[in-house]
N, C-alpha and C. Protein backbone atom coordinates (compact mmCIF):
# COMPACT_ATOMS: atom_id res chain seq x y z
N MET A 1 30.18 -27.69 20.46
CA MET A 1 31.36 -28.48 20.24
C MET A 1 32.55 -27.54 20.17
N SER A 2 33.54 -27.81 20.97
CA SER A 2 34.73 -26.94 21.01
C SER A 2 35.75 -27.41 19.96
N LYS A 3 36.54 -26.45 19.52
CA LYS A 3 37.56 -26.77 18.52
C LYS A 3 38.77 -27.38 19.21
N SER A 4 39.36 -28.34 18.57
CA SER A 4 40.55 -28.96 19.13
C SER A 4 41.74 -28.02 18.96
N PRO A 5 42.77 -28.11 19.81
CA PRO A 5 43.96 -27.25 19.66
C PRO A 5 44.64 -27.42 18.31
N ALA A 6 44.61 -28.62 17.75
CA ALA A 6 45.26 -28.85 16.45
C ALA A 6 44.54 -28.08 15.35
N THR A 7 43.19 -28.07 15.38
CA THR A 7 42.43 -27.33 14.37
C THR A 7 42.65 -25.84 14.52
N GLN A 8 42.69 -25.35 15.74
CA GLN A 8 42.90 -23.93 15.98
C GLN A 8 44.30 -23.50 15.53
N ALA A 9 45.30 -24.31 15.81
CA ALA A 9 46.68 -23.99 15.41
C ALA A 9 46.81 -24.01 13.89
N ARG A 10 46.10 -24.93 13.24
CA ARG A 10 46.18 -25.03 11.79
C ARG A 10 45.63 -23.76 11.13
N ARG A 11 44.62 -23.16 11.70
CA ARG A 11 44.02 -21.97 11.12
C ARG A 11 44.87 -20.72 11.39
N GLU A 12 45.68 -20.69 12.41
CA GLU A 12 46.49 -19.53 12.73
C GLU A 12 47.77 -19.48 11.92
N ARG A 13 48.17 -20.61 11.37
CA ARG A 13 49.38 -20.62 10.56
C ARG A 13 49.12 -19.93 9.23
N PRO A 14 50.15 -19.27 8.69
CA PRO A 14 49.97 -18.68 7.35
C PRO A 14 49.79 -19.78 6.32
N LEU A 15 49.04 -19.46 5.27
CA LEU A 15 48.79 -20.46 4.23
C LEU A 15 50.04 -20.76 3.42
N SER A 16 50.89 -19.75 3.25
CA SER A 16 52.14 -19.95 2.53
C SER A 16 53.17 -19.01 3.13
N PRO A 17 54.45 -19.32 2.96
CA PRO A 17 55.47 -18.42 3.51
C PRO A 17 55.34 -17.02 2.92
N HIS A 18 55.47 -16.05 3.74
CA HIS A 18 55.35 -14.66 3.33
C HIS A 18 56.66 -13.95 3.66
N LEU A 19 56.92 -12.85 2.97
CA LEU A 19 58.18 -12.14 3.19
C LEU A 19 58.37 -11.70 4.62
N THR A 20 57.27 -11.45 5.34
CA THR A 20 57.42 -11.04 6.73
C THR A 20 57.69 -12.22 7.65
N VAL A 21 57.44 -13.43 7.16
CA VAL A 21 57.64 -14.63 7.97
C VAL A 21 58.93 -15.34 7.58
N TYR A 22 59.21 -15.38 6.30
CA TYR A 22 60.29 -16.20 5.75
C TYR A 22 61.43 -15.31 5.28
N ARG A 23 62.64 -15.60 5.73
CA ARG A 23 63.82 -14.87 5.27
C ARG A 23 64.54 -15.71 4.23
N PRO A 24 64.60 -15.22 2.99
CA PRO A 24 65.23 -16.05 1.95
C PRO A 24 66.74 -16.20 2.19
N PRO A 25 67.28 -17.38 1.96
CA PRO A 25 68.73 -17.57 2.13
C PRO A 25 69.50 -16.81 1.05
N ILE A 26 70.76 -16.55 1.33
CA ILE A 26 71.60 -15.77 0.42
C ILE A 26 71.74 -16.46 -0.94
N THR A 27 71.74 -17.76 -0.97
CA THR A 27 71.86 -18.46 -2.25
C THR A 27 70.64 -18.21 -3.12
N MET A 28 69.46 -18.16 -2.52
CA MET A 28 68.25 -17.88 -3.27
C MET A 28 68.25 -16.43 -3.76
N THR A 29 68.67 -15.52 -2.90
CA THR A 29 68.72 -14.11 -3.27
C THR A 29 69.70 -13.89 -4.42
N MET A 30 70.87 -14.51 -4.36
CA MET A 30 71.85 -14.36 -5.44
C MET A 30 71.36 -15.00 -6.73
N SER A 31 70.58 -16.07 -6.63
CA SER A 31 70.01 -16.69 -7.83
C SER A 31 69.02 -15.75 -8.50
N ILE A 32 68.19 -15.09 -7.70
CA ILE A 32 67.23 -14.14 -8.23
C ILE A 32 67.96 -12.95 -8.87
N ILE A 33 68.98 -12.45 -8.19
CA ILE A 33 69.74 -11.32 -8.71
C ILE A 33 70.48 -11.72 -9.99
N HIS A 34 70.94 -12.97 -10.06
CA HIS A 34 71.60 -13.47 -11.27
C HIS A 34 70.64 -13.40 -12.46
N ARG A 35 69.40 -13.76 -12.24
CA ARG A 35 68.40 -13.70 -13.32
C ARG A 35 68.10 -12.26 -13.70
N ILE A 36 68.00 -11.37 -12.71
CA ILE A 36 67.73 -9.96 -12.98
C ILE A 36 68.88 -9.33 -13.75
N THR A 37 70.12 -9.63 -13.34
CA THR A 37 71.27 -9.06 -14.05
C THR A 37 71.35 -9.60 -15.48
N GLY A 38 70.93 -10.83 -15.68
CA GLY A 38 70.89 -11.37 -17.04
C GLY A 38 69.95 -10.56 -17.92
N GLY A 39 68.80 -10.21 -17.38
CA GLY A 39 67.87 -9.36 -18.11
C GLY A 39 68.42 -7.96 -18.33
N ALA A 40 69.09 -7.41 -17.32
CA ALA A 40 69.67 -6.06 -17.44
C ALA A 40 70.77 -6.03 -18.49
N LEU A 41 71.45 -7.13 -18.68
CA LEU A 41 72.51 -7.18 -19.68
C LEU A 41 71.96 -7.02 -21.10
N TYR A 42 70.73 -7.44 -21.33
CA TYR A 42 70.11 -7.20 -22.64
C TYR A 42 70.01 -5.71 -22.91
N PHE A 43 69.52 -4.96 -21.92
CA PHE A 43 69.39 -3.51 -22.06
C PHE A 43 70.76 -2.86 -22.23
N GLY A 44 71.72 -3.25 -21.40
CA GLY A 44 73.06 -2.67 -21.49
C GLY A 44 73.75 -2.97 -22.80
N THR A 45 73.53 -4.14 -23.33
CA THR A 45 74.14 -4.49 -24.61
C THR A 45 73.53 -3.67 -25.74
N LEU A 46 72.26 -3.32 -25.61
CA LEU A 46 71.66 -2.41 -26.58
C LEU A 46 72.34 -1.04 -26.54
N LEU A 47 72.71 -0.59 -25.33
CA LEU A 47 73.43 0.69 -25.21
C LEU A 47 74.80 0.62 -25.89
N VAL A 48 75.49 -0.50 -25.74
CA VAL A 48 76.78 -0.68 -26.41
C VAL A 48 76.57 -0.67 -27.93
N ALA A 49 75.50 -1.32 -28.39
CA ALA A 49 75.22 -1.35 -29.83
C ALA A 49 74.90 0.06 -30.35
N VAL A 50 74.17 0.86 -29.57
CA VAL A 50 73.88 2.24 -29.96
C VAL A 50 75.18 3.03 -30.07
N TRP A 51 76.06 2.84 -29.12
CA TRP A 51 77.35 3.54 -29.14
C TRP A 51 78.16 3.16 -30.38
N LEU A 52 78.19 1.86 -30.70
CA LEU A 52 78.92 1.40 -31.89
C LEU A 52 78.28 1.91 -33.18
N MET A 53 76.95 1.92 -33.24
CA MET A 53 76.28 2.44 -34.44
C MET A 53 76.53 3.93 -34.60
N ALA A 54 76.55 4.67 -33.48
CA ALA A 54 76.84 6.10 -33.55
C ALA A 54 78.27 6.33 -34.02
N ALA A 55 79.19 5.50 -33.56
CA ALA A 55 80.58 5.63 -33.98
C ALA A 55 80.73 5.33 -35.47
N ALA A 56 79.91 4.45 -35.99
CA ALA A 56 80.00 4.08 -37.41
C ALA A 56 79.26 5.06 -38.32
N SER A 57 78.35 5.84 -37.75
CA SER A 57 77.52 6.69 -38.62
C SER A 57 78.12 8.08 -38.84
N SER A 58 78.23 8.89 -37.80
CA SER A 58 78.73 10.26 -38.00
C SER A 58 79.35 10.79 -36.72
N GLN A 59 80.17 11.83 -36.87
CA GLN A 59 80.81 12.45 -35.72
C GLN A 59 79.77 13.09 -34.80
N GLY A 60 78.73 13.67 -35.37
CA GLY A 60 77.68 14.30 -34.56
C GLY A 60 76.93 13.29 -33.71
N ALA A 61 76.58 12.17 -34.30
CA ALA A 61 75.87 11.13 -33.55
C ALA A 61 76.76 10.56 -32.45
N PHE A 62 78.02 10.36 -32.77
CA PHE A 62 78.96 9.83 -31.79
C PHE A 62 79.14 10.81 -30.63
N ASP A 63 79.26 12.10 -30.94
CA ASP A 63 79.41 13.11 -29.90
C ASP A 63 78.17 13.17 -29.01
N TRP A 64 76.99 13.03 -29.62
CA TRP A 64 75.75 13.07 -28.83
C TRP A 64 75.67 11.87 -27.88
N VAL A 65 75.99 10.68 -28.37
CA VAL A 65 75.94 9.48 -27.53
C VAL A 65 76.98 9.58 -26.42
N ASN A 66 78.18 10.06 -26.75
CA ASN A 66 79.19 10.23 -25.70
C ASN A 66 78.75 11.25 -24.67
N TRP A 67 78.07 12.32 -25.12
CA TRP A 67 77.55 13.30 -24.17
C TRP A 67 76.51 12.65 -23.25
N ALA A 68 75.59 11.88 -23.84
CA ALA A 68 74.53 11.23 -23.06
C ALA A 68 75.13 10.25 -22.04
N PHE A 69 76.13 9.49 -22.46
CA PHE A 69 76.76 8.55 -21.54
C PHE A 69 77.61 9.27 -20.50
N GLY A 70 78.01 10.50 -20.77
CA GLY A 70 78.83 11.26 -19.84
C GLY A 70 78.05 12.02 -18.78
N THR A 71 76.73 12.10 -18.92
CA THR A 71 75.92 12.76 -17.89
C THR A 71 75.90 11.89 -16.64
N TRP A 72 75.44 12.46 -15.53
CA TRP A 72 75.42 11.69 -14.29
C TRP A 72 74.50 10.48 -14.43
N LEU A 73 73.36 10.63 -15.14
CA LEU A 73 72.45 9.51 -15.33
C LEU A 73 73.07 8.45 -16.24
N GLY A 74 73.74 8.90 -17.30
CA GLY A 74 74.40 7.96 -18.20
C GLY A 74 75.50 7.17 -17.50
N ARG A 75 76.27 7.87 -16.68
CA ARG A 75 77.33 7.17 -15.93
C ARG A 75 76.76 6.22 -14.90
N LEU A 76 75.65 6.60 -14.29
CA LEU A 76 75.00 5.71 -13.32
C LEU A 76 74.51 4.44 -14.02
N ILE A 77 73.93 4.60 -15.20
CA ILE A 77 73.46 3.43 -15.97
C ILE A 77 74.65 2.56 -16.38
N LEU A 78 75.72 3.19 -16.84
CA LEU A 78 76.91 2.42 -17.23
C LEU A 78 77.56 1.73 -16.03
N PHE A 79 77.54 2.40 -14.87
CA PHE A 79 78.06 1.78 -13.65
C PHE A 79 77.22 0.55 -13.30
N GLY A 80 75.89 0.69 -13.39
CA GLY A 80 75.00 -0.44 -13.12
C GLY A 80 75.21 -1.57 -14.12
N TYR A 81 75.45 -1.20 -15.39
CA TYR A 81 75.72 -2.21 -16.41
C TYR A 81 77.01 -2.96 -16.09
N THR A 82 78.02 -2.23 -15.66
CA THR A 82 79.29 -2.87 -15.30
C THR A 82 79.09 -3.83 -14.14
N TRP A 83 78.34 -3.37 -13.12
CA TRP A 83 78.10 -4.25 -11.96
C TRP A 83 77.30 -5.48 -12.39
N ALA A 84 76.27 -5.28 -13.22
CA ALA A 84 75.46 -6.42 -13.67
C ALA A 84 76.31 -7.42 -14.43
N LEU A 85 77.22 -6.90 -15.27
CA LEU A 85 78.10 -7.78 -16.04
C LEU A 85 79.02 -8.58 -15.12
N MET A 86 79.61 -7.91 -14.15
CA MET A 86 80.52 -8.60 -13.22
C MET A 86 79.76 -9.59 -12.34
N HIS A 87 78.59 -9.19 -11.86
CA HIS A 87 77.81 -10.08 -10.99
C HIS A 87 77.32 -11.30 -11.76
N HIS A 88 76.87 -11.09 -12.98
CA HIS A 88 76.39 -12.20 -13.78
C HIS A 88 77.54 -13.15 -14.13
N MET A 89 78.70 -12.58 -14.42
CA MET A 89 79.87 -13.40 -14.73
C MET A 89 80.26 -14.26 -13.52
N LEU A 90 80.34 -13.64 -12.35
CA LEU A 90 80.72 -14.39 -11.15
C LEU A 90 79.64 -15.39 -10.75
N GLY A 91 78.38 -15.04 -11.00
CA GLY A 91 77.30 -16.00 -10.77
C GLY A 91 77.42 -17.20 -11.68
N GLY A 92 77.84 -16.97 -12.91
CA GLY A 92 78.08 -18.08 -13.84
C GLY A 92 79.22 -18.96 -13.38
N VAL A 93 80.27 -18.34 -12.85
CA VAL A 93 81.40 -19.11 -12.30
C VAL A 93 80.92 -19.92 -11.11
N ARG A 94 80.07 -19.32 -10.26
CA ARG A 94 79.52 -20.03 -9.11
C ARG A 94 78.74 -21.26 -9.57
N HIS A 95 77.92 -21.11 -10.60
CA HIS A 95 77.16 -22.26 -11.10
C HIS A 95 78.07 -23.28 -11.77
N LEU A 96 79.14 -22.82 -12.41
CA LEU A 96 80.10 -23.75 -13.00
C LEU A 96 80.77 -24.59 -11.91
N ILE A 97 81.12 -23.96 -10.79
CA ILE A 97 81.69 -24.70 -9.66
C ILE A 97 80.69 -25.72 -9.15
N TRP A 98 79.44 -25.31 -9.02
CA TRP A 98 78.41 -26.23 -8.54
C TRP A 98 78.20 -27.39 -9.52
N ASP A 99 78.35 -27.11 -10.82
CA ASP A 99 78.19 -28.18 -11.81
C ASP A 99 79.23 -29.27 -11.67
N THR A 100 80.37 -28.95 -11.08
CA THR A 100 81.40 -29.97 -10.84
C THR A 100 81.09 -30.81 -9.61
N GLY A 101 80.09 -30.38 -8.85
CA GLY A 101 79.73 -31.09 -7.61
C GLY A 101 80.40 -30.51 -6.39
N ALA A 102 81.20 -29.48 -6.56
CA ALA A 102 81.89 -28.86 -5.42
C ALA A 102 81.06 -27.70 -4.88
N GLY A 103 81.22 -27.43 -3.59
CA GLY A 103 80.61 -26.26 -2.97
C GLY A 103 79.12 -26.34 -2.77
N LEU A 104 78.55 -27.52 -2.77
CA LEU A 104 77.11 -27.65 -2.63
C LEU A 104 76.65 -27.73 -1.18
N GLU A 105 77.58 -27.86 -0.24
CA GLU A 105 77.19 -27.89 1.16
C GLU A 105 76.62 -26.52 1.52
N LYS A 106 75.66 -26.50 2.44
CA LYS A 106 74.94 -25.26 2.76
C LYS A 106 75.88 -24.14 3.16
N HIS A 107 76.80 -24.42 4.04
CA HIS A 107 77.72 -23.39 4.53
C HIS A 107 78.64 -22.89 3.41
N THR A 108 79.16 -23.80 2.61
CA THR A 108 80.06 -23.43 1.51
C THR A 108 79.30 -22.66 0.43
N ALA A 109 78.09 -23.09 0.12
CA ALA A 109 77.29 -22.40 -0.90
C ALA A 109 76.99 -20.96 -0.46
N SER A 110 76.73 -20.78 0.81
CA SER A 110 76.49 -19.42 1.33
C SER A 110 77.74 -18.56 1.24
N LYS A 111 78.88 -19.14 1.54
CA LYS A 111 80.14 -18.38 1.43
C LYS A 111 80.41 -17.98 -0.01
N ILE A 112 80.17 -18.90 -0.94
CA ILE A 112 80.40 -18.60 -2.35
C ILE A 112 79.42 -17.51 -2.82
N ALA A 113 78.19 -17.55 -2.34
CA ALA A 113 77.20 -16.52 -2.72
C ALA A 113 77.64 -15.15 -2.22
N TRP A 114 78.10 -15.07 -0.97
CA TRP A 114 78.60 -13.79 -0.44
C TRP A 114 79.84 -13.34 -1.21
N ALA A 115 80.69 -14.28 -1.58
CA ALA A 115 81.90 -13.94 -2.35
C ALA A 115 81.52 -13.40 -3.73
N THR A 116 80.46 -13.93 -4.32
CA THR A 116 79.97 -13.44 -5.61
C THR A 116 79.56 -11.98 -5.49
N LEU A 117 78.82 -11.66 -4.45
CA LEU A 117 78.37 -10.29 -4.25
C LEU A 117 79.54 -9.35 -3.99
N ALA A 118 80.42 -9.74 -3.07
CA ALA A 118 81.58 -8.89 -2.75
C ALA A 118 82.51 -8.75 -3.96
N GLY A 119 82.73 -9.84 -4.67
CA GLY A 119 83.61 -9.80 -5.84
C GLY A 119 83.06 -8.92 -6.94
N SER A 120 81.75 -8.95 -7.15
CA SER A 120 81.16 -8.11 -8.20
C SER A 120 81.29 -6.63 -7.86
N VAL A 121 81.10 -6.28 -6.62
CA VAL A 121 81.26 -4.88 -6.20
C VAL A 121 82.72 -4.46 -6.34
N LEU A 122 83.63 -5.29 -5.89
CA LEU A 122 85.06 -4.97 -5.95
C LEU A 122 85.54 -4.84 -7.40
N LEU A 123 85.16 -5.79 -8.25
CA LEU A 123 85.57 -5.72 -9.66
C LEU A 123 85.00 -4.49 -10.36
N THR A 124 83.75 -4.15 -10.06
CA THR A 124 83.14 -2.97 -10.66
C THR A 124 83.91 -1.71 -10.26
N LEU A 125 84.22 -1.59 -8.97
CA LEU A 125 84.98 -0.42 -8.51
C LEU A 125 86.36 -0.37 -9.14
N LEU A 126 87.02 -1.51 -9.24
CA LEU A 126 88.35 -1.55 -9.85
C LEU A 126 88.31 -1.15 -11.33
N ILE A 127 87.30 -1.61 -12.05
CA ILE A 127 87.17 -1.26 -13.47
C ILE A 127 86.96 0.24 -13.61
N TRP A 128 86.08 0.81 -12.80
CA TRP A 128 85.81 2.23 -12.92
C TRP A 128 86.99 3.09 -12.47
N ILE A 129 87.68 2.66 -11.43
CA ILE A 129 88.87 3.39 -11.00
C ILE A 129 89.94 3.34 -12.09
N ALA A 130 90.14 2.16 -12.68
CA ALA A 130 91.13 2.03 -13.76
C ALA A 130 90.74 2.89 -14.95
N GLY A 131 89.45 2.96 -15.25
CA GLY A 131 88.99 3.79 -16.36
C GLY A 131 89.25 5.27 -16.12
N TYR A 132 88.96 5.73 -14.92
CA TYR A 132 89.22 7.13 -14.60
C TYR A 132 90.71 7.43 -14.55
N MET A 133 91.49 6.48 -14.09
CA MET A 133 92.95 6.68 -14.07
C MET A 133 93.50 6.74 -15.49
N ALA A 134 92.97 5.91 -16.38
CA ALA A 134 93.43 5.91 -17.77
C ALA A 134 93.09 7.23 -18.47
N ARG A 135 91.97 7.83 -18.09
CA ARG A 135 91.59 9.13 -18.66
C ARG A 135 92.31 10.28 -17.99
N GLY A 136 92.94 10.02 -16.86
CA GLY A 136 93.64 11.06 -16.12
C GLY A 136 92.71 11.97 -15.34
N THR A 137 91.51 11.50 -15.02
CA THR A 137 90.54 12.31 -14.29
C THR A 137 90.40 11.88 -12.84
N LEU A 138 91.28 11.04 -12.37
CA LEU A 138 91.19 10.60 -10.97
C LEU A 138 92.40 11.07 -10.20
């Protein structure tokens, strides 16, 4: 007994979408990144709390924390924290817009998602440039 073409085609299809088959839309990607940045903000806020506790405790502790944040790794972490904060904030604004019923069309939602990504990068760069300019190191 030969297999019908429908049975053969059914077996060749993947059982579920896979990353090599399915390309996630930008809105889905930004939603996932929004959740990740929300989690990263917990870690970053702990760093801010450590900095505040060091400032309240002693000059030595404060100097050590400032030194740690001033290393290339510390600055990279703080830069990532700034980006996560800006991206999460703009993602929240995007969801607030959607809650009003606006921007839910596929094309508009994709544009807003790209704007969220571009805006978070731009705001992060502007914050860091302003910070370096205020310190006189730029």
